[in-house]
Amino acid sequence: MILDYEPGDKVTNPNNKDWGIGQIQSIIKEKVTVNFENVGKKVINANNIELKKIG
């Protein structure tokens, strides 16, 4: 699996748009830690949820 983002990138979660814009903190295998503006830090399983990169 190839992820097209890296730490520092801004992303959104299309399944939870109300989370707002998130910034990727770290990527360890399929676990992506994102700090979202409205809900704080979330660990996303990239196998289950596809984040959308902004810009």
C-alpha atoms as a PDB file:
ATOM      1  CA  MET A   1       0.000   0.000   0.000  1.00  0.00           C
ATOM      2  CA  ILE A   2       1.366   3.381  -1.042  1.00  0.00           C
ATOM      3  CA  LEU A   3       0.138   6.445   0.826  1.00  0.00           C
ATOM      4  CA  ASP A   4       0.301   9.743  -1.079  1.00  0.00           C
ATOM      5  CA  TYR A   5       0.860  11.913   1.986  1.00  0.00           C
ATOM      6  CA  GLU A   6       3.486  12.434   4.657  1.00  0.00           C
ATOM      7  CA  PRO A   7       3.801  14.124   8.067  1.00  0.00           C
ATOM      8  CA  GLY A   8       2.953  17.811   7.860  1.00  0.00           C
ATOM      9  CA  ASP A   9       0.448  17.403   5.033  1.00  0.00           C
ATOM     10  CA  LYS A  10      -3.084  18.754   5.463  1.00  0.00           C
ATOM     11  CA  VAL A  11      -5.927  16.283   4.915  1.00  0.00           C
ATOM     12  CA  THR A  12      -9.652  15.782   5.421  1.00  0.00           C
ATOM     13  CA  ASN A  13     -11.644  12.679   6.273  1.00  0.00           C
ATOM     14  CA  PRO A  14     -14.429  12.444   3.649  1.00  0.00           C
ATOM     15  CA  ASN A  15     -16.474  10.221   6.004  1.00  0.00           C
ATOM     16  CA  ASN A  16     -16.362  12.843   8.793  1.00  0.00           C
ATOM     17  CA  LYS A  17     -16.162  16.268   7.148  1.00  0.00           C
ATOM     18  CA  ASP A  18     -17.185  17.937  10.432  1.00  0.00           C
ATOM     19  CA  TRP A  19     -13.791  16.944  11.892  1.00  0.00           C
ATOM     20  CA  GLY A  20     -12.353  19.799   9.828  1.00  0.00           C
ATOM     21  CA  ILE A  21      -8.876  20.002   8.368  1.00  0.00           C
ATOM     22  CA  GLY A  22      -6.242  17.756   9.892  1.00  0.00           C
ATOM     23  CA  GLN A  23      -2.461  17.770   9.846  1.00  0.00           C
ATOM     24  CA  ILE A  24      -0.675  14.436   9.643  1.00  0.00           C
ATOM     25  CA  GLN A  25       1.543  13.894  12.693  1.00  0.00           C
ATOM     26  CA  SER A  26       3.004  10.462  11.947  1.00  0.00           C
ATOM     27  CA  ILE A  27       2.611   7.388   9.753  1.00  0.00           C
ATOM     28  CA  ILE A  28       3.528   3.940  11.087  1.00  0.00           C
ATOM     29  CA  LYS A  29       2.609   1.201   8.607  1.00  0.00           C
ATOM     30  CA  GLU A  30      -1.146   1.664   8.008  1.00  0.00           C
ATOM     31  CA  LYS A  31      -1.711   3.752  11.164  1.00  0.00           C
ATOM     32  CA  VAL A  32      -1.883   7.468  10.383  1.00  0.00           C
ATOM     33  CA  THR A  33      -2.038   9.910  13.317  1.00  0.00           C
ATOM     34  CA  VAL A  34      -3.830  13.124  12.361  1.00  0.00           C
ATOM     35  CA  ASN A  35      -4.509  16.210  14.496  1.00  0.00           C
ATOM     36  CA  PHE A  36      -7.921  17.543  13.353  1.00  0.00           C
ATOM     37  CA  GLU A  37      -8.985  21.127  14.085  1.00  0.00           C
ATOM     38  CA  ASN A  38     -12.412  20.186  15.514  1.00  0.00           C
ATOM     39  CA  VAL A  39     -11.860  16.813  17.232  1.00  0.00           C
ATOM     40  CA  GLY A  40      -8.158  16.717  18.071  1.00  0.00           C
ATOM     41  CA  LYS A  41      -5.840  13.777  17.523  1.00  0.00           C
ATOM     42  CA  LYS A  42      -7.155  10.652  15.793  1.00  0.00           C
ATOM     43  CA  VAL A  43      -5.390   7.476  14.703  1.00  0.00           C
ATOM     44  CA  ILE A  44      -6.721   6.425  11.306  1.00  0.00           C
ATOM     45  CA  ASN A  45      -6.297   2.963   9.787  1.00  0.00           C
ATOM     46  CA  ALA A  46      -5.409   3.771   6.174  1.00  0.00           C
ATOM     47  CA  ASN A  47      -6.693   0.346   5.096  1.00  0.00           C
ATOM     48  CA  ASN A  48     -10.228   1.346   6.155  1.00  0.00           C
ATOM     49  CA  ILE A  49     -10.394   5.127   5.645  1.00  0.00           C
ATOM     50  CA  GLU A  50      -8.961   7.051   2.711  1.00  0.00           C
ATOM     51  CA  LEU A  51      -7.880  10.543   3.732  1.00  0.00           C
ATOM     52  CA  LYS A  52      -8.032  13.271   1.105  1.00  0.00           C
ATOM     53  CA  LYS A  53      -4.951  15.448   0.764  1.00  0.00           C
ATOM     54  CA  ILE A  54      -5.515  19.209   0.537  1.00  0.00           C
ATOM     55  CA  GLY A  55      -3.451  21.125  -1.983  1.00  0.00           C
END
